[in-house]
Amino acid sequence: MGFWLILATIVLVLFLYYWLIENKNFFDKHEILYVKPVPFLGNMAPIIFRQTPMVENINNIYKLNKDAKYVGFFDFGCPVVMIRDVELAKNITVKYFDHFVNHRGFVDPEQEPLFGNNLFSLHDERWRSIRNLLSPAFTSSKMKGMFKLMSDCASTYADYFADQSREKPFEVSSKDAFTRYTNDVIGTCAFGIKVDSIRNRNNEFYVLGRKATNFEGIQSIKFFTVRSFPRLSNLLKIRLISRDVDVFFQNLVKETIAMRDEKGISRPDMIQLMMETRNNKEGEGPKLTIEEMTSQAFIFFFGGFDTSSTLMCFVAHQIADRADVQERLQREVDEAFDKHDGDPPYEAVANMVYLEAVINEALRMYPVAPFLDRVCNTEFELPPALPGKKPVMLKPGDNVWIPVYPIQRDPEFYPNPEVFDPDRFIKNGRSSANSANSLTFGQGPRMCIGNRFALLETKVLLVHLLRKCSLRPGKKMILPFRLSKTSFAMTAEGGFWMEFQRRDV
């Protein structure tokens, strides 16, 4: 065993060294300004050794030259062209999308079907067909149909925190609280099951969902290994999702479909759309197996469970930390409740101007996905990075990143970018269109399919919470606020801690 481990280590080191030296010529050959890499780790060493948060590392690379349309860096041994010019980024994601259809694949669908067969991981025509199939589940009309289900969940949580803070302020981990809420929303909106995770804290739906989306500690190391060295991961049979989680979701989808078939239940959600593919005739569109349905349902769960709750944490923290923002928001919320006899409808919540501006500003400052990645699949010529330089021809397989976090913190696009100012998203008393949302959730045909869902469930939760409670940073919250260096995902150092104080309304 020891001999084979040593041999595998030597082979890996030689492989990585060769790969790094060979790829290093990419930027030299094309005269692209790049950050000098560390052997084997490329430019990811500050993250691996917990010296810098992921987003700050990306930001440092972005600032390499403020006049360059793009710069280079190494994601471990993989050379990546970081696009700094927003028009060029738009060309890549929208105008010339056919040259950059796919994300970088790193999961073997045979070994990791939940990840490997989902919409985010799918490539080319298979991605197009599944995207077209699922898109109708996320239209505005479908969101309106899900609003009451979300509102019931949010009201349950607001009542709980109001009750707990009846005698004195009640402090909780807001990440824990909000993942429980998103868990319950997904349970009712996607699977048709009612879960109360704030009171029934150890229910299987929540516990296994949390396990599947936890990328801290050893899981973060696994993620980096699978993402950066997929062949080695396959050889060592490293899995991101444990077998019990895999089996749970397979059974959940099977049982949901069987129950709907047996009782003739039809719901306006993605499970229903996927069930209907069983009736497709040859040539009429994809016909999904149970395994494929489970994979699509899982990525919806994965995105909604973790990323949406992270967004809620950042928004709630900004509200709690700024009394003027909170007071103005509560006035808007109270007016909606008073105007609609204590039960504001979908239109009232969806059209709250200041609430939307607050969420947009939080998304600008703390985009949950700090970069967008694309892989070139057809030759594409980049314009010269700097005056006097030559154009660069990207080949199939070349990687590009669009750095969302740095662009949205760039004073060229957002004056005083470090200041939380929701009014930058309001013009003439109305919400103003801005690139923050489109970049935060992606851009072009490959943008996040569930962005409307995430925004609506966030709005609904905040409306009900702010009606019944006031928010304050918890005593365990590390202030001034700093981003964690120990987590691959963007989060607060020491976690998010919130204090709820009951309102008398």
Protein backbone atom coordinates (compact mmCIF):
# COMPACT_ATOMS: atom_id res chain seq x y z
CA MET A 1 0.00 0.00 0.00
CA GLY A 2 2.83 2.39 0.94
CA PHE A 3 4.69 1.69 -2.33
CA TRP A 4 1.65 2.40 -4.49
CA LEU A 5 0.85 5.58 -2.54
CA ILE A 6 4.41 6.87 -3.04
CA LEU A 7 4.35 5.92 -6.71
CA ALA A 8 0.98 7.65 -7.22
CA THR A 9 2.32 10.77 -5.49
CA ILE A 10 5.42 10.88 -7.72
CA VAL A 11 3.32 10.41 -10.87
CA LEU A 12 0.93 13.13 -9.74
CA VAL A 13 3.74 15.58 -8.99
CA LEU A 14 5.41 14.96 -12.35
CA PHE A 15 2.08 15.25 -14.14
CA LEU A 16 1.22 18.53 -12.45
CA TYR A 17 4.69 19.96 -13.05
CA TYR A 18 4.59 19.06 -16.74
CA TRP A 19 1.04 20.40 -17.07
CA LEU A 20 1.93 23.68 -15.37
CA ILE A 21 5.11 24.29 -17.39
CA GLU A 22 3.38 23.49 -20.65
CA ASN A 23 0.37 25.70 -19.90
CA LYS A 24 2.58 28.51 -18.69
CA ASN A 25 3.58 29.08 -22.31
CA PHE A 26 -0.04 29.97 -23.16
CA PHE A 27 0.16 33.52 -21.81
CA ASP A 28 3.78 34.07 -22.82
CA LYS A 29 3.01 32.93 -26.36
CA HIS A 30 0.08 35.33 -26.68
CA GLU A 31 1.73 38.18 -24.79
CA ILE A 32 -1.07 38.29 -22.22
CA LEU A 33 -0.25 39.93 -18.91
CA TYR A 34 -0.65 37.30 -16.19
CA VAL A 35 0.02 36.60 -12.52
CA LYS A 36 3.11 34.47 -11.98
CA PRO A 37 1.96 31.08 -10.65
CA VAL A 38 3.15 28.99 -7.74
CA PRO A 39 4.23 25.49 -8.81
CA PHE A 40 1.34 23.00 -8.73
CA LEU A 41 -1.14 25.48 -7.16
CA GLY A 42 -1.07 28.14 -9.86
CA ASN A 43 -2.63 31.33 -8.46
CA MET A 44 -4.87 29.49 -6.00
CA ALA A 45 -2.28 29.26 -3.20
CA PRO A 46 -3.72 32.24 -1.20
CA ILE A 47 -7.07 30.41 -1.06
CA ILE A 48 -5.65 26.97 -0.29
CA PHE A 49 -3.56 28.36 2.56
CA ARG A 50 -6.44 30.54 3.80
CA GLN A 51 -4.59 33.80 3.35
CA THR A 52 -7.26 35.51 1.24
CA PRO A 53 -10.97 34.99 0.57
CA MET A 54 -11.72 33.62 -2.90
CA VAL A 55 -13.33 36.87 -4.05
CA GLU A 56 -10.38 38.99 -2.90
CA ASN A 57 -8.00 36.73 -4.79
CA ILE A 58 -10.07 37.23 -7.94
CA ASN A 59 -10.16 40.98 -7.26
CA ASN A 60 -6.37 41.16 -6.97
CA ILE A 61 -5.97 39.47 -10.35
CA TYR A 62 -8.59 41.80 -11.87
CA LYS A 63 -6.54 44.83 -10.74
CA LEU A 64 -3.40 43.63 -12.49
CA ASN A 65 -3.85 46.30 -15.19
CA LYS A 66 -6.84 48.65 -15.23
CA ASP A 67 -6.49 49.30 -18.97
CA ALA A 68 -6.33 45.69 -20.10
CA LYS A 69 -9.40 44.08 -21.67
CA TYR A 70 -8.29 40.80 -20.16
CA VAL A 71 -5.49 39.29 -18.07
CA GLY A 72 -4.36 35.76 -17.31
CA PHE A 73 -4.02 33.52 -14.28
CA PHE A 74 -3.75 29.86 -13.39
CA ASP A 75 -6.59 27.96 -11.75
CA PHE A 76 -4.16 25.36 -10.39
CA GLY A 77 -2.61 24.12 -13.65
CA CYS A 78 -5.36 25.41 -15.93
CA PRO A 79 -4.70 28.75 -17.70
CA VAL A 80 -7.71 31.07 -17.55
CA VAL A 81 -8.32 34.30 -19.43
CA MET A 82 -10.05 36.76 -17.09
CA ILE A 83 -12.23 39.17 -19.07
CA ARG A 84 -12.11 42.72 -17.63
CA ASP A 85 -13.99 44.56 -20.38
CA VAL A 86 -17.75 44.45 -19.81
CA GLU A 87 -18.62 44.76 -23.51
CA LEU A 88 -16.30 41.90 -24.37
CA ALA A 89 -17.88 39.89 -21.53
CA LYS A 90 -21.32 40.57 -23.00
CA ASN A 91 -20.13 39.47 -26.43
CA ILE A 92 -18.88 36.18 -24.99
CA THR A 93 -22.02 35.44 -22.98
CA VAL A 94 -24.65 36.83 -25.35
CA LYS A 95 -23.69 37.92 -28.89
CA TYR A 96 -21.23 35.08 -29.55
CA PHE A 97 -22.74 32.62 -27.12
CA ASP A 98 -22.44 29.75 -29.61
CA HIS A 99 -18.66 29.96 -29.20
CA PHE A 100 -18.94 29.62 -25.40
CA VAL A 101 -21.91 27.36 -24.67
CA ASN A 102 -20.55 25.30 -21.79
CA HIS A 103 -19.24 25.55 -18.26
CA ARG A 104 -16.02 23.76 -17.46
CA GLY A 105 -16.97 20.16 -16.74
CA PHE A 106 -15.36 18.39 -13.82
CA VAL A 107 -17.76 15.70 -12.63
CA ASP A 108 -18.09 12.26 -14.19
CA PRO A 109 -21.85 11.66 -14.62
CA GLU A 110 -21.28 7.90 -14.32
CA GLN A 111 -19.69 8.28 -10.89
CA GLU A 112 -21.64 11.33 -9.67
CA PRO A 113 -25.01 11.35 -11.49
CA LEU A 114 -26.66 13.97 -9.25
CA PHE A 115 -24.01 16.52 -10.23
CA GLY A 116 -22.94 15.24 -13.62
CA ASN A 117 -26.38 15.12 -15.25
CA ASN A 118 -27.88 18.37 -13.97
CA LEU A 119 -28.58 21.47 -16.02
CA PHE A 120 -25.48 23.34 -14.83
CA SER A 121 -23.15 20.51 -15.86
CA LEU A 122 -24.79 19.49 -19.14
CA HIS A 123 -23.18 20.46 -22.45
CA ASP A 124 -24.23 21.49 -25.94
CA GLU A 125 -27.48 20.11 -27.36
CA ARG A 126 -28.34 18.12 -24.26
CA TRP A 127 -28.15 21.33 -22.23
CA ARG A 128 -30.32 23.18 -24.78
CA SER A 129 -33.05 20.54 -24.75
CA ILE A 130 -33.22 20.32 -20.93
CA ARG A 131 -33.07 24.11 -20.57
CA ASN A 132 -35.99 24.51 -22.99
CA LEU A 133 -37.89 21.81 -21.11
CA LEU A 134 -37.47 23.38 -17.66
CA SER A 135 -37.76 27.10 -18.52
CA PRO A 136 -41.59 27.14 -18.35
CA ALA A 137 -41.37 26.16 -14.65
CA PHE A 138 -39.79 29.54 -13.83
CA THR A 139 -41.91 32.08 -15.68
CA SER A 140 -43.49 35.05 -13.92
CA SER A 141 -46.88 33.36 -14.00
CA LYS A 142 -45.43 30.25 -12.30
CA MET A 143 -43.82 32.46 -9.66
CA LYS A 144 -47.18 34.04 -9.01
CA GLY A 145 -48.65 30.57 -8.55
CA MET A 146 -45.96 29.68 -5.99
CA PHE A 147 -46.28 32.97 -4.08
CA LYS A 148 -48.90 31.74 -1.60
CA LEU A 149 -46.82 28.66 -0.74
CA MET A 150 -43.75 30.85 -0.12
CA SER A 151 -45.77 33.36 1.85
CA ASP A 152 -47.15 30.67 4.16
CA CYS A 153 -43.59 29.45 4.88
CA ALA A 154 -42.30 32.98 5.49
CA SER A 155 -45.21 33.80 7.79
CA THR A 156 -44.51 30.65 9.82
CA TYR A 157 -40.90 31.70 10.30
CA ALA A 158 -41.79 35.31 11.14
CA ASP A 159 -44.31 34.11 13.75
CA TYR A 160 -41.68 31.83 15.27
CA PHE A 161 -39.09 34.60 15.66
CA ALA A 162 -41.70 37.05 16.93
CA ASP A 163 -42.79 34.51 19.57
CA GLN A 164 -39.22 33.70 20.60
CA SER A 165 -38.42 37.40 21.04
CA ARG A 166 -41.58 38.23 22.99
CA GLU A 167 -39.70 38.68 26.29
CA LYS A 168 -36.21 39.57 25.10
CA PRO A 169 -34.18 39.72 21.86
CA PHE A 170 -33.62 36.31 20.29
CA GLU A 171 -30.22 35.56 18.68
CA VAL A 172 -29.77 32.89 16.02
CA SER A 173 -27.38 31.84 13.29
CA SER A 174 -29.11 33.46 10.34
CA LYS A 175 -27.47 31.02 7.92
CA ASP A 176 -29.03 28.14 9.82
CA ALA A 177 -32.41 29.86 10.02
CA PHE A 178 -32.52 30.86 6.36
CA THR A 179 -31.38 27.48 5.04
CA ARG A 180 -34.26 25.96 6.99
CA TYR A 181 -36.63 28.42 5.32
CA THR A 182 -35.31 27.75 1.80
CA ASN A 183 -35.48 24.03 2.53
CA ASP A 184 -39.17 24.32 3.41
CA VAL A 185 -39.94 26.53 0.39
CA ILE A 186 -38.34 24.03 -2.00
CA GLY A 187 -40.11 21.17 -0.25
CA THR A 188 -43.53 22.69 -0.82
CA CYS A 189 -42.92 24.37 -4.21
CA ALA A 190 -40.97 21.61 -5.95
CA PHE A 191 -41.83 18.35 -4.18
CA GLY A 192 -45.27 19.08 -2.79
CA ILE A 193 -44.31 18.17 0.77
CA LYS A 194 -44.83 20.34 3.84
CA VAL A 195 -41.87 20.62 6.21
CA ASP A 196 -41.47 22.87 9.25
CA SER A 197 -37.71 22.81 9.71
CA ILE A 198 -37.56 25.63 12.25
CA ARG A 199 -39.52 23.52 14.76
CA ASN A 200 -38.88 19.99 13.47
CA ARG A 201 -35.15 20.62 13.29
CA ASN A 202 -33.92 17.12 12.48
CA ASN A 203 -36.29 16.17 9.68
CA GLU A 204 -34.65 14.02 7.01
CA PHE A 205 -35.34 16.46 4.17
CA TYR A 206 -33.34 19.19 5.91
CA VAL A 207 -30.57 17.05 7.43
CA LEU A 208 -29.64 15.35 4.15
CA GLY A 209 -30.06 18.58 2.20
CA ARG A 210 -27.64 20.31 4.55
CA LYS A 211 -25.23 17.42 4.20
CA ALA A 212 -25.37 17.61 0.41
CA THR A 213 -24.67 21.36 0.28
CA ASN A 214 -22.02 21.61 2.98
CA PHE A 215 -18.65 22.43 1.40
CA GLU A 216 -16.63 23.20 4.49
CA GLY A 217 -13.67 21.35 5.99
CA ILE A 218 -12.92 18.05 4.24
CA GLN A 219 -15.72 18.69 1.73
CA SER A 220 -14.00 21.85 0.47
CA ILE A 221 -10.81 19.83 -0.13
CA LYS A 222 -12.85 17.22 -2.01
CA PHE A 223 -14.47 19.95 -4.10
CA PHE A 224 -11.13 21.49 -5.07
CA THR A 225 -9.73 18.05 -5.91
CA VAL A 226 -12.70 16.99 -8.05
CA ARG A 227 -12.87 20.37 -9.77
CA SER A 228 -9.17 20.77 -10.50
CA PHE A 229 -8.07 17.16 -10.99
CA PRO A 230 -11.10 15.26 -12.34
CA ARG A 231 -9.09 12.34 -13.73
CA LEU A 232 -7.32 11.78 -10.44
CA SER A 233 -10.65 12.08 -8.61
CA ASN A 234 -12.19 9.43 -10.85
CA LEU A 235 -9.19 7.17 -10.29
CA LEU A 236 -9.52 7.55 -6.52
CA LYS A 237 -13.35 7.42 -6.73
CA ILE A 238 -13.78 10.66 -4.78
CA ARG A 239 -17.44 11.64 -4.49
CA LEU A 240 -18.92 15.02 -3.61
CA ILE A 241 -22.34 13.61 -2.76
CA SER A 242 -22.56 10.68 -0.35
CA ARG A 243 -24.53 7.56 -1.22
CA ASP A 244 -27.22 8.15 1.42
CA VAL A 245 -27.98 11.59 -0.05
CA ASP A 246 -28.08 10.11 -3.55
CA VAL A 247 -30.48 7.35 -2.48
CA PHE A 248 -32.68 9.79 -0.54
CA PHE A 249 -33.24 12.07 -3.52
CA GLN A 250 -33.78 9.16 -5.89
CA ASN A 251 -36.47 7.76 -3.58
CA LEU A 252 -38.00 11.20 -3.00
CA VAL A 253 -38.47 11.85 -6.71
CA LYS A 254 -39.76 8.31 -7.32
CA GLU A 255 -42.28 8.59 -4.49
CA THR A 256 -43.40 12.06 -5.59
CA ILE A 257 -44.01 10.85 -9.14
CA ALA A 258 -45.78 7.67 -7.96
CA MET A 259 -48.06 9.65 -5.64
CA ARG A 260 -49.01 12.13 -8.37
CA ASP A 261 -49.66 9.33 -10.82
CA GLU A 262 -51.79 7.41 -8.32
CA LYS A 263 -53.86 10.38 -7.14
CA GLY A 264 -53.95 12.30 -10.42
CA ILE A 265 -52.18 15.31 -8.88
CA SER A 266 -50.83 17.98 -11.21
CA ARG A 267 -48.79 20.90 -9.88
CA PRO A 268 -47.21 23.83 -11.77
CA ASP A 269 -43.59 22.91 -11.04
CA MET A 270 -40.50 21.39 -12.62
CA ILE A 271 -41.29 17.85 -11.40
CA GLN A 272 -44.55 17.98 -13.37
CA LEU A 273 -42.80 19.23 -16.50
CA MET A 274 -40.30 16.41 -16.29
CA MET A 275 -43.04 13.84 -15.68
CA GLU A 276 -44.74 14.94 -18.88
CA THR A 277 -41.68 14.00 -20.95
CA ARG A 278 -42.70 10.37 -20.45
CA ASN A 279 -45.44 11.01 -23.00
CA ASN A 280 -43.07 12.46 -25.60
CA LYS A 281 -42.96 10.61 -28.89
CA GLU A 282 -39.75 10.14 -30.81
CA GLY A 283 -38.39 13.50 -31.97
CA GLU A 284 -40.72 15.58 -29.79
CA GLY A 285 -38.13 16.41 -27.14
CA PRO A 286 -36.16 14.70 -24.37
CA LYS A 287 -37.64 11.77 -22.49
CA LEU A 288 -36.19 11.80 -19.00
CA THR A 289 -35.44 8.81 -16.82
CA ILE A 290 -36.02 8.86 -13.05
CA GLU A 291 -32.27 9.33 -12.59
CA GLU A 292 -32.24 12.35 -14.92
CA MET A 293 -35.31 13.85 -13.24
CA THR A 294 -33.62 13.40 -9.86
CA SER A 295 -30.50 15.17 -11.10
CA GLN A 296 -32.47 18.23 -12.29
CA ALA A 297 -34.51 18.33 -9.08
CA PHE A 298 -31.32 18.09 -7.04
CA ILE A 299 -29.56 21.05 -8.67
CA PHE A 300 -32.70 23.13 -8.12
CA PHE A 301 -32.60 22.05 -4.49
CA PHE A 302 -28.84 22.65 -4.27
CA GLY A 303 -29.07 26.16 -5.71
CA GLY A 304 -32.17 27.13 -3.80
CA PHE A 305 -31.04 25.67 -0.50
CA ASP A 306 -27.58 27.16 -0.17
CA THR A 307 -27.08 30.08 -2.53
CA SER A 308 -30.48 31.65 -1.83
CA SER A 309 -29.97 31.41 1.93
CA THR A 310 -26.53 33.01 1.52
CA LEU A 311 -28.12 35.90 -0.37
CA MET A 312 -30.66 36.29 2.47
CA CYS A 313 -27.83 36.41 5.02
CA PHE A 314 -26.05 39.24 3.24
CA VAL A 315 -29.26 41.23 2.70
CA ALA A 316 -30.46 40.76 6.28
CA HIS A 317 -27.07 41.74 7.68
CA GLN A 318 -27.04 44.98 5.71
CA ILE A 319 -30.56 45.77 6.90
CA ALA A 320 -29.70 44.95 10.51
CA ASP A 321 -26.53 47.02 10.40
CA ARG A 322 -28.19 50.17 9.02
CA ALA A 323 -31.06 51.62 11.03
CA ASP A 324 -32.01 54.13 8.30
CA VAL A 325 -32.33 51.36 5.69
CA GLN A 326 -34.40 49.20 8.04
CA GLU A 327 -36.77 51.99 9.03
CA ARG A 328 -37.40 52.94 5.41
CA LEU A 329 -37.99 49.29 4.49
CA GLN A 330 -40.40 48.76 7.36
CA ARG A 331 -42.42 51.80 6.30
CA GLU A 332 -42.74 50.31 2.81
CA VAL A 333 -43.69 46.90 4.25
CA ASP A 334 -46.22 48.38 6.72
CA GLU A 335 -47.89 50.38 3.96
CA ALA A 336 -48.35 47.22 1.89
CA PHE A 337 -49.82 45.28 4.83
CA ASP A 338 -52.13 48.16 5.80
CA LYS A 339 -53.27 48.72 2.24
CA HIS A 340 -54.16 45.04 1.71
CA ASP A 341 -55.74 44.22 5.09
CA GLY A 342 -52.70 42.41 6.44
CA ASP A 343 -52.21 40.13 3.43
CA PRO A 344 -50.23 41.80 0.59
CA PRO A 345 -50.64 39.91 -2.71
CA TYR A 346 -47.94 38.90 -5.18
CA GLU A 347 -48.04 42.19 -7.10
CA ALA A 348 -47.60 44.27 -3.95
CA VAL A 349 -44.53 42.34 -2.82
CA ALA A 350 -42.98 42.00 -6.28
CA ASN A 351 -43.27 45.75 -6.88
CA MET A 352 -41.79 47.05 -3.62
CA VAL A 353 -39.27 49.55 -5.01
CA TYR A 354 -37.03 50.02 -1.99
CA LEU A 355 -37.00 46.33 -1.08
CA GLU A 356 -35.86 45.47 -4.59
CA ALA A 357 -33.18 48.17 -4.44
CA VAL A 358 -31.85 46.83 -1.14
CA ILE A 359 -31.62 43.30 -2.56
CA ASN A 360 -29.97 44.57 -5.76
CA GLU A 361 -27.37 46.49 -3.77
CA ALA A 362 -26.60 43.44 -1.61
CA LEU A 363 -26.25 41.38 -4.80
CA ARG A 364 -23.90 43.98 -6.22
CA MET A 365 -21.63 43.97 -3.19
CA TYR A 366 -21.85 40.25 -2.42
CA PRO A 367 -22.67 38.24 -5.55
CA VAL A 368 -23.13 34.63 -4.48
CA ALA A 369 -21.33 33.49 -7.65
CA PRO A 370 -18.21 35.71 -7.70
CA PHE A 371 -17.33 34.77 -11.29
CA LEU A 372 -18.88 33.29 -14.43
CA ASP A 373 -16.96 30.62 -16.29
CA ARG A 374 -17.17 29.58 -19.92
CA VAL A 375 -15.24 27.14 -22.08
CA CYS A 376 -14.49 27.99 -25.71
CA ASN A 377 -16.02 25.36 -27.99
CA THR A 378 -15.41 27.08 -31.37
CA GLU A 379 -12.42 29.25 -32.29
CA PHE A 380 -12.94 32.85 -31.21
CA GLU A 381 -10.70 35.88 -31.71
CA LEU A 382 -10.27 38.18 -28.74
CA PRO A 383 -9.37 41.79 -29.56
CA PRO A 384 -5.93 42.99 -28.38
CA ALA A 385 -5.78 43.18 -24.60
CA LEU A 386 -3.85 46.45 -24.74
CA PRO A 387 -2.98 48.96 -27.50
CA GLY A 388 -0.08 47.69 -29.55
CA LYS A 389 -0.75 44.03 -28.69
CA LYS A 390 -2.02 41.39 -31.09
CA PRO A 391 -5.45 39.73 -31.09
CA VAL A 392 -5.61 36.35 -29.38
CA MET A 393 -7.25 33.33 -30.97
CA LEU A 394 -8.95 31.14 -28.36
CA LYS A 395 -9.12 27.44 -29.21
CA PRO A 396 -11.72 24.85 -28.17
CA GLY A 397 -11.08 23.91 -24.56
CA ASP A 398 -9.66 27.30 -23.51
CA ASN A 399 -11.19 28.72 -20.34
CA VAL A 400 -12.46 32.24 -19.65
CA TRP A 401 -13.78 33.80 -16.45
CA ILE A 402 -15.92 36.91 -16.10
CA PRO A 403 -15.14 38.36 -12.65
CA VAL A 404 -18.52 39.43 -11.26
CA TYR A 405 -17.31 40.53 -7.82
CA PRO A 406 -14.54 42.86 -9.09
CA ILE A 407 -16.69 44.40 -11.82
CA GLN A 408 -19.44 45.18 -9.34
CA ARG A 409 -16.87 46.72 -6.97
CA ASP A 410 -15.21 48.80 -9.71
CA PRO A 411 -15.64 52.59 -9.16
CA GLU A 412 -15.72 53.01 -12.95
CA PHE A 413 -19.15 51.38 -12.93
CA TYR A 414 -20.35 52.08 -9.37
CA PRO A 415 -19.21 55.29 -7.61
CA ASN A 416 -18.18 54.69 -3.98
CA PRO A 417 -18.47 50.93 -4.50
CA GLU A 418 -17.68 50.04 -0.86
CA VAL A 419 -20.70 52.03 0.37
CA PHE A 420 -24.03 50.19 0.71
CA ASP A 421 -26.38 52.54 -1.16
CA PRO A 422 -29.69 51.04 -2.39
CA ASP A 423 -30.67 54.37 -3.96
CA ARG A 424 -28.23 53.74 -6.79
CA PHE A 425 -30.87 51.27 -8.03
CA ILE A 426 -33.77 53.73 -7.88
CA LYS A 427 -34.50 56.25 -10.60
CA ASN A 428 -37.53 58.57 -10.63
CA GLY A 429 -39.18 56.56 -7.86
CA ARG A 430 -38.88 53.29 -9.73
CA SER A 431 -36.44 50.37 -9.69
CA SER A 432 -33.78 51.03 -12.29
CA ALA A 433 -32.43 48.41 -14.64
CA ASN A 434 -28.78 47.65 -13.96
CA SER A 435 -26.26 45.00 -14.81
CA ALA A 436 -25.90 43.77 -11.21
CA ASN A 437 -28.72 41.26 -11.41
CA SER A 438 -27.77 39.96 -14.84
CA LEU A 439 -24.16 39.42 -13.80
CA THR A 440 -24.98 38.02 -10.38
CA PHE A 441 -27.21 35.31 -11.82
CA GLY A 442 -25.16 34.93 -14.97
CA GLN A 443 -25.57 36.56 -18.35
CA GLY A 444 -27.02 35.44 -21.64
CA PRO A 445 -28.73 32.11 -22.40
CA ARG A 446 -26.77 30.32 -19.69
CA MET A 447 -27.88 32.61 -16.87
CA CYS A 448 -29.40 30.99 -13.77
CA ILE A 449 -32.79 29.49 -14.59
CA GLY A 450 -34.01 29.98 -11.01
CA ASN A 451 -33.20 33.68 -10.54
CA ARG A 452 -36.87 34.74 -10.33
CA PHE A 453 -37.51 32.03 -7.75
CA ALA A 454 -34.53 33.08 -5.60
CA LEU A 455 -35.46 36.77 -5.68
CA LEU A 456 -39.12 36.14 -4.89
CA GLU A 457 -38.50 33.82 -1.92
CA THR A 458 -36.01 36.40 -0.57
CA LYS A 459 -38.51 39.24 -0.89
CA VAL A 460 -41.31 37.22 0.68
CA LEU A 461 -39.21 36.25 3.70
CA LEU A 462 -38.00 39.80 4.34
CA VAL A 463 -41.49 41.26 4.02
CA HIS A 464 -42.90 38.95 6.69
CA LEU A 465 -39.88 39.22 8.98
CA LEU A 466 -39.76 43.02 8.86
CA ARG A 467 -43.48 43.27 9.50
CA LYS A 468 -43.21 41.33 12.77
CA CYS A 469 -39.60 41.87 13.87
CA SER A 470 -36.73 44.31 13.84
CA LEU A 471 -33.27 43.00 13.04
CA ARG A 472 -30.00 43.73 14.80
CA PRO A 473 -26.52 42.18 14.39
CA GLY A 474 -26.15 39.40 16.97
CA LYS A 475 -23.64 39.61 19.81
CA LYS A 476 -21.69 36.72 18.22
CA MET A 477 -21.39 38.60 14.92
CA ILE A 478 -17.82 39.70 14.22
CA LEU A 479 -17.82 43.43 13.52
CA PRO A 480 -16.63 45.21 11.52
CA PHE A 481 -17.85 42.71 8.95
CA ARG A 482 -15.17 40.66 7.20
CA LEU A 483 -15.35 37.89 4.62
CA SER A 484 -14.17 34.47 5.76
CA LYS A 485 -10.83 33.13 4.54
CA THR A 486 -11.63 29.57 5.57
CA SER A 487 -14.61 28.86 3.32
CA PHE A 488 -14.63 28.37 -0.45
CA ALA A 489 -18.11 29.91 -0.51
CA MET A 490 -18.52 33.60 0.32
CA THR A 491 -19.62 34.04 3.93
CA ALA A 492 -18.92 36.14 7.01
CA GLU A 493 -15.95 35.47 9.25
CA GLY A 494 -17.37 33.70 12.28
CA GLY A 495 -20.69 33.17 10.50
CA PHE A 496 -23.82 35.30 10.30
CA TRP A 497 -25.56 36.04 13.61
CA MET A 498 -28.86 37.88 13.84
CA GLU A 499 -30.87 39.23 16.75
CA PHE A 500 -34.65 39.38 16.32
CA GLN A 501 -36.70 41.90 18.29
CA ARG A 502 -40.49 41.64 18.25
CA ARG A 503 -42.40 44.60 16.79
CA ASP A 504 -45.76 45.78 18.06
CA VAL A 505 -47.79 46.46 14.93
